[in-house]
Amino acid sequence: MNTWLIALQNSNSPIY
C-alpha cells in the first residue's frame, strides 16, 4: 500500500 493510504488507516502515525 502507498504511504498516504497507510497514513489514512493509521491515525496514530500520520505519514504525509
C-alpha atoms as a PDB file:
ATOM      1  CA  MET A   1       0.000   0.000   0.000  1.00  0.00           C
ATOM      2  CA  ASN A   2       1.045   3.585  -0.527  1.00  0.00           C
ATOM      3  CA  THR A   3       2.363   5.797   2.259  1.00  0.00           C
ATOM      4  CA  TRP A   4      -0.640   8.113   2.164  1.00  0.00           C
ATOM      5  CA  LEU A   5      -3.009   5.159   2.356  1.00  0.00           C
ATOM      6  CA  ILE A   6      -1.164   3.907   5.434  1.00  0.00           C
ATOM      7  CA  ALA A   7      -1.408   7.386   6.917  1.00  0.00           C
ATOM      8  CA  LEU A   8      -5.166   7.354   6.409  1.00  0.00           C
ATOM      9  CA  GLN A   9      -5.550   3.975   8.101  1.00  0.00           C
ATOM     10  CA  ASN A  10      -3.078   4.752  10.884  1.00  0.00           C
ATOM     11  CA  SER A  11      -4.192   7.946  12.582  1.00  0.00           C
ATOM     12  CA  ASN A  12      -1.528   7.200  15.168  1.00  0.00           C
ATOM     13  CA  SER A  13       1.240   7.688  12.637  1.00  0.00           C
ATOM     14  CA  PRO A  14       0.317  10.432  10.155  1.00  0.00           C
ATOM     15  CA  ILE A  15       2.797   9.900   7.315  1.00  0.00           C
ATOM     16  CA  TYR A  16       2.395  12.604   4.699  1.00  0.00           C
END
